[in-house]
Amino acid sequence: MDVDKTGWLATDGQPEQPVLHLYFDGPRPRLKELLTSRLREDIRPDEIDVTFRFVSPTSEADTGVFSLSDRVTGDFILECEGKADSIRTFVRGVGEYANRSGRDARYEVQIRADTGVVASFEKELLLVYNADGTLLRHASLIPSSVEM
């Protein structure tokens, strides 16, 4: 997992909509097969939940687990390890992008294999949890239209 289009934060450059890249270490057909077996045929992007959970109870944890899950069934679609600093920068980037551009606080998720993007969708919600499972509202992306 890595983040893209957040470099402008450090240089005070032109805002870009941040992108989360999730990499599959294997061939594209295998990734498509895995996604097909884990996704409902009629799933919509707004039914996919995006979360990050710290693996250590300290607030300075350096890694966590990034996951996509089906909001309707609760099934996990995929999980991968991610760097906490990357998620912090990403969340900040999405918020700053919205503030500076006057657009909604949205971001793109790309699931990639060896030959490029296999799936891509836009999201507004990204929930960040501590190691105990408590929602960290200040570290999350929660649109005003969502009640928690």
N, C-alpha and C. Protein backbone atom coordinates (compact mmCIF):
# COMPACT_ATOMS: atom_id res chain seq x y z
N MET A 1 0.84 -1.17 0.00
CA MET A 1 0.00 0.00 0.00
C MET A 1 0.88 1.23 0.00
N ASP A 2 0.51 2.18 -0.84
CA ASP A 2 1.17 3.48 -0.74
C ASP A 2 0.19 4.57 -1.16
N VAL A 3 0.56 5.80 -0.88
CA VAL A 3 -0.29 6.93 -1.21
C VAL A 3 0.37 7.75 -2.31
N ASP A 4 -0.46 8.41 -3.10
CA ASP A 4 0.04 9.21 -4.21
C ASP A 4 -0.72 10.54 -4.22
N LYS A 5 -0.11 11.52 -4.83
CA LYS A 5 -0.68 12.85 -4.99
C LYS A 5 -0.87 13.55 -3.64
N THR A 6 0.13 13.39 -2.77
CA THR A 6 0.15 14.13 -1.50
C THR A 6 1.42 14.96 -1.37
N GLY A 7 2.33 14.87 -2.33
CA GLY A 7 3.59 15.61 -2.28
C GLY A 7 3.41 17.11 -2.24
N TRP A 8 2.31 17.60 -2.80
CA TRP A 8 2.05 19.04 -2.82
C TRP A 8 1.87 19.61 -1.42
N LEU A 9 1.57 18.75 -0.43
CA LEU A 9 1.43 19.23 0.95
C LEU A 9 2.74 19.82 1.46
N ALA A 10 3.85 19.16 1.13
CA ALA A 10 5.16 19.59 1.61
C ALA A 10 5.68 20.82 0.87
N THR A 11 5.23 21.00 -0.37
CA THR A 11 5.75 22.10 -1.19
C THR A 11 4.77 23.25 -1.33
N ASP A 12 3.58 23.09 -0.72
CA ASP A 12 2.51 24.08 -0.85
C ASP A 12 2.16 24.29 -2.33
N GLY A 13 2.20 23.18 -3.08
CA GLY A 13 1.92 23.23 -4.51
C GLY A 13 0.44 23.16 -4.83
N GLN A 14 0.16 22.89 -6.09
CA GLN A 14 -1.21 22.79 -6.58
C GLN A 14 -1.87 21.53 -6.01
N PRO A 15 -3.03 21.65 -5.35
CA PRO A 15 -3.70 20.49 -4.76
C PRO A 15 -4.14 19.47 -5.81
N GLU A 16 -3.96 18.21 -5.48
CA GLU A 16 -4.42 17.11 -6.32
C GLU A 16 -5.22 16.15 -5.46
N GLN A 17 -6.21 15.48 -6.07
CA GLN A 17 -6.99 14.50 -5.32
C GLN A 17 -6.11 13.31 -4.97
N PRO A 18 -5.92 13.01 -3.68
CA PRO A 18 -5.06 11.90 -3.27
C PRO A 18 -5.59 10.54 -3.74
N VAL A 19 -4.63 9.62 -3.94
CA VAL A 19 -4.93 8.27 -4.40
C VAL A 19 -4.25 7.27 -3.48
N LEU A 20 -4.99 6.23 -3.09
CA LEU A 20 -4.44 5.10 -2.33
C LEU A 20 -4.21 3.96 -3.31
N HIS A 21 -2.97 3.48 -3.40
CA HIS A 21 -2.65 2.35 -4.27
C HIS A 21 -2.50 1.10 -3.40
N LEU A 22 -3.22 0.05 -3.75
CA LEU A 22 -3.09 -1.24 -3.09
C LEU A 22 -2.50 -2.19 -4.11
N TYR A 23 -1.36 -2.77 -3.78
CA TYR A 23 -0.64 -3.62 -4.73
C TYR A 23 -0.81 -5.09 -4.40
N PHE A 24 -1.11 -5.87 -5.43
CA PHE A 24 -1.21 -7.32 -5.31
C PHE A 24 0.06 -7.92 -5.88
N ASP A 25 0.72 -8.74 -5.10
CA ASP A 25 1.97 -9.37 -5.53
C ASP A 25 1.65 -10.66 -6.27
N GLY A 26 1.28 -10.51 -7.51
CA GLY A 26 0.92 -11.66 -8.31
C GLY A 26 0.33 -11.20 -9.63
N PRO A 27 -0.04 -12.17 -10.48
CA PRO A 27 -0.57 -11.82 -11.80
C PRO A 27 -1.99 -11.25 -11.74
N ARG A 28 -2.27 -10.41 -12.70
CA ARG A 28 -3.58 -9.76 -12.81
C ARG A 28 -4.74 -10.76 -12.82
N PRO A 29 -4.68 -11.86 -13.58
CA PRO A 29 -5.80 -12.80 -13.59
C PRO A 29 -6.10 -13.38 -12.19
N ARG A 30 -5.07 -13.62 -11.42
CA ARG A 30 -5.28 -14.15 -10.06
C ARG A 30 -5.97 -13.11 -9.17
N LEU A 31 -5.57 -11.84 -9.28
CA LEU A 31 -6.22 -10.79 -8.50
C LEU A 31 -7.68 -10.66 -8.91
N LYS A 32 -7.96 -10.68 -10.21
CA LYS A 32 -9.34 -10.59 -10.67
C LYS A 32 -10.17 -11.75 -10.13
N GLU A 33 -9.58 -12.94 -10.11
CA GLU A 33 -10.26 -14.12 -9.59
C GLU A 33 -10.57 -13.94 -8.10
N LEU A 34 -9.60 -13.45 -7.33
CA LEU A 34 -9.81 -13.23 -5.89
C LEU A 34 -10.89 -12.18 -5.64
N LEU A 35 -10.83 -11.08 -6.37
CA LEU A 35 -11.84 -10.03 -6.18
C LEU A 35 -13.23 -10.52 -6.58
N THR A 36 -13.32 -11.25 -7.67
CA THR A 36 -14.60 -11.78 -8.12
C THR A 36 -15.19 -12.72 -7.08
N SER A 37 -14.35 -13.53 -6.44
CA SER A 37 -14.85 -14.47 -5.45
C SER A 37 -15.26 -13.78 -4.15
N ARG A 38 -14.74 -12.59 -3.89
CA ARG A 38 -15.02 -11.90 -2.62
C ARG A 38 -16.04 -10.76 -2.75
N LEU A 39 -16.33 -10.35 -3.96
CA LEU A 39 -17.27 -9.24 -4.17
C LEU A 39 -18.61 -9.75 -4.67
N ARG A 40 -19.67 -9.20 -4.13
CA ARG A 40 -21.00 -9.48 -4.67
C ARG A 40 -21.08 -8.87 -6.07
N GLU A 41 -21.84 -9.49 -6.94
CA GLU A 41 -21.97 -8.97 -8.31
C GLU A 41 -22.55 -7.57 -8.35
N ASP A 42 -23.45 -7.28 -7.41
CA ASP A 42 -24.16 -6.00 -7.44
C ASP A 42 -23.59 -4.97 -6.46
N ILE A 43 -22.38 -5.19 -5.96
CA ILE A 43 -21.82 -4.25 -4.99
C ILE A 43 -21.51 -2.91 -5.66
N ARG A 44 -21.82 -1.85 -4.93
CA ARG A 44 -21.54 -0.50 -5.40
C ARG A 44 -20.38 0.06 -4.58
N PRO A 45 -19.63 1.01 -5.13
CA PRO A 45 -18.50 1.59 -4.37
C PRO A 45 -18.90 2.15 -3.01
N ASP A 46 -20.13 2.69 -2.88
CA ASP A 46 -20.53 3.23 -1.59
C ASP A 46 -20.83 2.13 -0.56
N GLU A 47 -20.82 0.88 -0.99
CA GLU A 47 -21.01 -0.25 -0.07
C GLU A 47 -19.69 -0.89 0.34
N ILE A 48 -18.59 -0.28 -0.06
CA ILE A 48 -17.26 -0.77 0.33
C ILE A 48 -16.72 0.15 1.41
N ASP A 49 -16.45 -0.41 2.58
CA ASP A 49 -15.89 0.37 3.68
C ASP A 49 -14.37 0.30 3.64
N VAL A 50 -13.75 1.44 3.90
CA VAL A 50 -12.30 1.56 3.91
C VAL A 50 -11.88 1.89 5.34
N THR A 51 -11.00 1.06 5.90
CA THR A 51 -10.57 1.28 7.29
C THR A 51 -9.06 1.08 7.43
N PHE A 52 -8.54 1.67 8.50
CA PHE A 52 -7.15 1.47 8.89
C PHE A 52 -7.15 1.29 10.39
N ARG A 53 -6.49 0.23 10.86
CA ARG A 53 -6.42 -0.06 12.30
C ARG A 53 -4.96 -0.17 12.72
N PHE A 54 -4.60 0.63 13.73
CA PHE A 54 -3.24 0.54 14.27
C PHE A 54 -3.04 -0.82 14.93
N VAL A 55 -1.83 -1.37 14.82
CA VAL A 55 -1.57 -2.68 15.41
C VAL A 55 -0.97 -2.59 16.80
N SER A 56 -0.52 -1.42 17.19
CA SER A 56 0.07 -1.23 18.51
C SER A 56 -0.80 -0.25 19.30
N PRO A 57 -0.92 -0.45 20.60
CA PRO A 57 -1.75 0.45 21.39
C PRO A 57 -1.18 1.86 21.58
N THR A 58 0.06 2.08 21.22
CA THR A 58 0.63 3.42 21.40
C THR A 58 0.16 4.34 20.29
N SER A 59 0.05 5.61 20.60
CA SER A 59 -0.41 6.57 19.60
C SER A 59 0.65 6.82 18.53
N GLU A 60 1.84 6.38 18.78
CA GLU A 60 2.92 6.56 17.81
C GLU A 60 3.20 5.29 17.01
N ALA A 61 2.23 4.40 16.93
CA ALA A 61 2.40 3.16 16.18
C ALA A 61 2.83 3.47 14.75
N ASP A 62 3.74 2.66 14.24
CA ASP A 62 4.24 2.94 12.89
C ASP A 62 3.60 2.09 11.81
N THR A 63 2.84 1.07 12.18
CA THR A 63 2.16 0.25 11.18
C THR A 63 0.72 -0.02 11.59
N GLY A 64 -0.03 -0.46 10.61
CA GLY A 64 -1.41 -0.82 10.86
C GLY A 64 -1.91 -1.72 9.75
N VAL A 65 -3.18 -2.06 9.83
CA VAL A 65 -3.80 -2.92 8.83
C VAL A 65 -4.84 -2.10 8.09
N PHE A 66 -4.67 -2.04 6.79
CA PHE A 66 -5.61 -1.35 5.91
C PHE A 66 -6.55 -2.41 5.36
N SER A 67 -7.85 -2.12 5.33
CA SER A 67 -8.77 -3.13 4.81
C SER A 67 -9.93 -2.51 4.05
N LEU A 68 -10.44 -3.31 3.14
CA LEU A 68 -11.67 -3.02 2.41
C LEU A 68 -12.65 -4.11 2.79
N SER A 69 -13.88 -3.73 3.09
CA SER A 69 -14.89 -4.73 3.43
C SER A 69 -16.23 -4.35 2.83
N ASP A 70 -17.09 -5.35 2.72
CA ASP A 70 -18.43 -5.19 2.18
C ASP A 70 -19.33 -4.71 3.32
N ARG A 71 -19.86 -3.51 3.21
CA ARG A 71 -20.69 -2.94 4.27
C ARG A 71 -21.96 -3.75 4.51
N VAL A 72 -22.50 -4.38 3.48
CA VAL A 72 -23.75 -5.12 3.60
C VAL A 72 -23.55 -6.46 4.28
N THR A 73 -22.53 -7.22 3.86
CA THR A 73 -22.32 -8.56 4.41
C THR A 73 -21.31 -8.59 5.54
N GLY A 74 -20.45 -7.56 5.63
CA GLY A 74 -19.39 -7.55 6.63
C GLY A 74 -18.16 -8.33 6.21
N ASP A 75 -18.19 -8.94 5.03
CA ASP A 75 -17.06 -9.75 4.55
C ASP A 75 -15.88 -8.86 4.18
N PHE A 76 -14.67 -9.35 4.52
CA PHE A 76 -13.46 -8.64 4.11
C PHE A 76 -13.22 -8.90 2.63
N ILE A 77 -12.84 -7.85 1.93
CA ILE A 77 -12.48 -7.97 0.52
C ILE A 77 -10.98 -8.16 0.42
N LEU A 78 -10.24 -7.33 1.16
CA LEU A 78 -8.79 -7.50 1.24
C LEU A 78 -8.23 -6.76 2.44
N GLU A 79 -7.07 -7.18 2.86
CA GLU A 79 -6.33 -6.53 3.94
C GLU A 79 -4.87 -6.48 3.56
N CYS A 80 -4.19 -5.43 3.99
CA CYS A 80 -2.76 -5.34 3.78
C CYS A 80 -2.15 -4.46 4.87
N GLU A 81 -0.87 -4.64 5.08
CA GLU A 81 -0.17 -3.81 6.05
C GLU A 81 0.10 -2.45 5.44
N GLY A 82 0.03 -1.44 6.28
CA GLY A 82 0.31 -0.09 5.82
C GLY A 82 1.04 0.71 6.87
N LYS A 83 1.70 1.75 6.42
CA LYS A 83 2.44 2.62 7.34
C LYS A 83 1.50 3.70 7.87
N ALA A 84 1.55 3.87 9.17
CA ALA A 84 0.67 4.85 9.82
C ALA A 84 0.95 6.26 9.32
N ASP A 85 2.21 6.60 9.12
CA ASP A 85 2.52 7.94 8.62
C ASP A 85 1.91 8.19 7.25
N SER A 86 1.86 7.15 6.42
CA SER A 86 1.25 7.30 5.10
C SER A 86 -0.24 7.61 5.22
N ILE A 87 -0.92 6.92 6.13
CA ILE A 87 -2.35 7.16 6.33
C ILE A 87 -2.58 8.55 6.91
N ARG A 88 -1.75 8.94 7.86
CA ARG A 88 -1.89 10.29 8.44
C ARG A 88 -1.73 11.37 7.35
N THR A 89 -0.70 11.21 6.52
CA THR A 89 -0.46 12.16 5.43
C THR A 89 -1.62 12.14 4.45
N PHE A 90 -2.11 10.95 4.16
CA PHE A 90 -3.21 10.79 3.21
C PHE A 90 -4.47 11.50 3.71
N VAL A 91 -4.84 11.27 4.96
CA VAL A 91 -6.03 11.90 5.53
C VAL A 91 -5.88 13.42 5.51
N ARG A 92 -4.70 13.90 5.89
CA ARG A 92 -4.44 15.34 5.84
C ARG A 92 -4.55 15.86 4.41
N GLY A 93 -4.01 15.10 3.45
CA GLY A 93 -4.06 15.49 2.05
C GLY A 93 -5.47 15.58 1.50
N VAL A 94 -6.31 14.62 1.86
CA VAL A 94 -7.71 14.65 1.39
C VAL A 94 -8.42 15.88 1.96
N GLY A 95 -8.21 16.15 3.24
CA GLY A 95 -8.83 17.32 3.86
C GLY A 95 -8.35 18.62 3.26
N GLU A 96 -7.05 18.74 3.06
CA GLU A 96 -6.48 19.96 2.47
C GLU A 96 -6.91 20.12 1.02
N TYR A 97 -6.99 19.00 0.29
CA TYR A 97 -7.46 19.05 -1.10
C TYR A 97 -8.86 19.66 -1.14
N ALA A 98 -9.74 19.20 -0.25
CA ALA A 98 -11.11 19.72 -0.20
C ALA A 98 -11.11 21.21 0.16
N ASN A 99 -10.33 21.59 1.15
CA ASN A 99 -10.28 23.00 1.58
C ASN A 99 -9.77 23.92 0.49
N ARG A 100 -8.69 23.52 -0.16
CA ARG A 100 -8.06 24.40 -1.15
C ARG A 100 -8.78 24.42 -2.50
N SER A 101 -9.38 23.29 -2.86
CA SER A 101 -10.01 23.21 -4.18
C SER A 101 -11.49 23.56 -4.16
N GLY A 102 -12.09 23.57 -2.98
CA GLY A 102 -13.52 23.82 -2.89
C GLY A 102 -14.35 22.62 -3.29
N ARG A 103 -13.72 21.48 -3.42
CA ARG A 103 -14.42 20.25 -3.80
C ARG A 103 -14.70 19.41 -2.56
N ASP A 104 -15.46 18.33 -2.75
CA ASP A 104 -15.72 17.40 -1.66
C ASP A 104 -14.44 16.70 -1.24
N ALA A 105 -14.39 16.28 0.01
CA ALA A 105 -13.24 15.53 0.53
C ALA A 105 -13.35 14.09 0.04
N ARG A 106 -12.90 13.86 -1.18
CA ARG A 106 -12.96 12.53 -1.79
C ARG A 106 -11.55 12.09 -2.15
N TYR A 107 -11.40 10.79 -2.28
CA TYR A 107 -10.13 10.22 -2.69
C TYR A 107 -10.39 9.01 -3.57
N GLU A 108 -9.36 8.55 -4.23
CA GLU A 108 -9.46 7.39 -5.11
C GLU A 108 -8.71 6.22 -4.51
N VAL A 109 -9.29 5.03 -4.64
CA VAL A 109 -8.62 3.78 -4.27
C VAL A 109 -8.36 3.03 -5.57
N GLN A 110 -7.11 2.61 -5.77
CA GLN A 110 -6.76 1.79 -6.93
C GLN A 110 -6.18 0.47 -6.44
N ILE A 111 -6.74 -0.63 -6.94
CA ILE A 111 -6.20 -1.95 -6.66
C ILE A 111 -5.41 -2.35 -7.90
N ARG A 112 -4.13 -2.62 -7.69
CA ARG A 112 -3.21 -2.81 -8.83
C ARG A 112 -2.55 -4.19 -8.78
N ALA A 113 -2.28 -4.70 -9.97
CA ALA A 113 -1.50 -5.94 -10.13
C ALA A 113 -0.29 -5.60 -10.98
N ASP A 114 0.40 -6.63 -11.42
CA ASP A 114 1.65 -6.43 -12.16
C ASP A 114 1.49 -5.62 -13.45
N THR A 115 0.31 -5.63 -14.04
CA THR A 115 0.13 -4.93 -15.32
C THR A 115 -0.71 -3.66 -15.21
N GLY A 116 -0.98 -3.21 -14.00
CA GLY A 116 -1.72 -1.96 -13.85
C GLY A 116 -2.95 -2.07 -12.98
N VAL A 117 -3.84 -1.11 -13.14
CA VAL A 117 -5.03 -1.00 -12.31
C VAL A 117 -6.05 -2.07 -12.68
N VAL A 118 -6.52 -2.81 -11.67
CA VAL A 118 -7.55 -3.83 -11.86
C VAL A 118 -8.92 -3.28 -11.45
N ALA A 119 -8.95 -2.47 -10.41
CA ALA A 119 -10.19 -1.85 -9.94
C ALA A 119 -9.87 -0.48 -9.38
N SER A 120 -10.81 0.44 -9.54
CA SER A 120 -10.63 1.80 -9.06
C SER A 120 -11.99 2.37 -8.68
N PHE A 121 -12.04 3.09 -7.57
CA PHE A 121 -13.29 3.73 -7.16
C PHE A 121 -12.99 4.90 -6.25
N GLU A 122 -13.94 5.84 -6.20
CA GLU A 122 -13.81 7.01 -5.34
C GLU A 122 -14.54 6.78 -4.03
N LYS A 123 -13.98 7.35 -2.97
CA LYS A 123 -14.57 7.22 -1.63
C LYS A 123 -14.51 8.56 -0.91
N GLU A 124 -15.36 8.70 0.10
CA GLU A 124 -15.34 9.86 0.99
C GLU A 124 -14.98 9.43 2.41
N LEU A 125 -15.36 8.24 2.79
CA LEU A 125 -15.23 7.75 4.16
C LEU A 125 -13.98 6.90 4.33
N LEU A 126 -13.20 7.18 5.34
CA LEU A 126 -12.07 6.34 5.72
C LEU A 126 -12.03 6.37 7.25
N LEU A 127 -12.29 5.22 7.86
CA LEU A 127 -12.34 5.13 9.31
C LEU A 127 -11.02 4.62 9.85
N VAL A 128 -10.47 5.32 10.83
CA VAL A 128 -9.21 4.95 11.46
C VAL A 128 -9.50 4.55 12.90
N TYR A 129 -9.00 3.37 13.29
CA TYR A 129 -9.23 2.82 14.63
C TYR A 129 -7.91 2.62 15.35
N ASN A 130 -7.94 2.71 16.68
CA ASN A 130 -6.75 2.36 17.45
C ASN A 130 -6.69 0.84 17.58
N ALA A 131 -5.66 0.33 18.23
CA ALA A 131 -5.47 -1.12 18.35
C ALA A 131 -6.58 -1.80 19.14
N ASP A 132 -7.28 -1.04 19.98
CA ASP A 132 -8.38 -1.60 20.78
C ASP A 132 -9.71 -1.56 20.04
N GLY A 133 -9.73 -1.01 18.84
CA GLY A 133 -10.96 -0.95 18.06
C GLY A 133 -11.80 0.29 18.27
N THR A 134 -11.25 1.29 18.94
CA THR A 134 -11.96 2.54 19.15
C THR A 134 -11.75 3.47 17.95
N LEU A 135 -12.84 4.01 17.44
CA LEU A 135 -12.76 4.92 16.30
C LEU A 135 -12.03 6.19 16.69
N LEU A 136 -11.05 6.57 15.89
CA LEU A 136 -10.32 7.82 16.08
C LEU A 136 -10.90 8.85 15.11
N ARG A 137 -11.93 9.54 15.55
CA ARG A 137 -12.64 10.49 14.68
C ARG A 137 -11.71 11.55 14.10
N HIS A 138 -10.81 12.07 14.92
CA HIS A 138 -9.91 13.14 14.48
C HIS A 138 -8.93 12.68 13.40
N ALA A 139 -8.70 11.37 13.31
CA ALA A 139 -7.76 10.82 12.34
C ALA A 139 -8.47 10.21 11.13
N SER A 140 -9.80 10.27 11.11
CA SER A 140 -10.60 9.64 10.06
C SER A 140 -11.14 10.68 9.09
N LEU A 141 -11.66 10.19 7.98
CA LEU A 141 -12.38 11.02 7.02
C LEU A 141 -13.85 10.64 7.12
N ILE A 142 -14.64 11.52 7.72
CA ILE A 142 -16.06 11.23 7.93
C ILE A 142 -16.87 12.39 7.36
N PRO A 143 -17.57 12.17 6.25
CA PRO A 143 -18.38 13.24 5.67
C PRO A 143 -19.49 13.68 6.64
N SER A 144 -19.90 14.91 6.53
CA SER A 144 -20.94 15.43 7.43
C SER A 144 -22.27 14.71 7.23
N SER A 145 -22.46 14.07 6.09
CA SER A 145 -23.71 13.36 5.83
C SER A 145 -23.79 12.00 6.53
N VAL A 146 -22.68 11.56 7.14
CA VAL A 146 -22.63 10.25 7.79
C VAL A 146 -22.81 10.43 9.29
N GLU A 147 -23.77 9.70 9.85
CA GLU A 147 -23.97 9.71 11.29
C GLU A 147 -23.32 8.47 11.88
N MET A 148 -22.55 8.68 12.95
CA MET A 148 -21.86 7.55 13.58
C MET A 148 -22.38 7.37 14.99
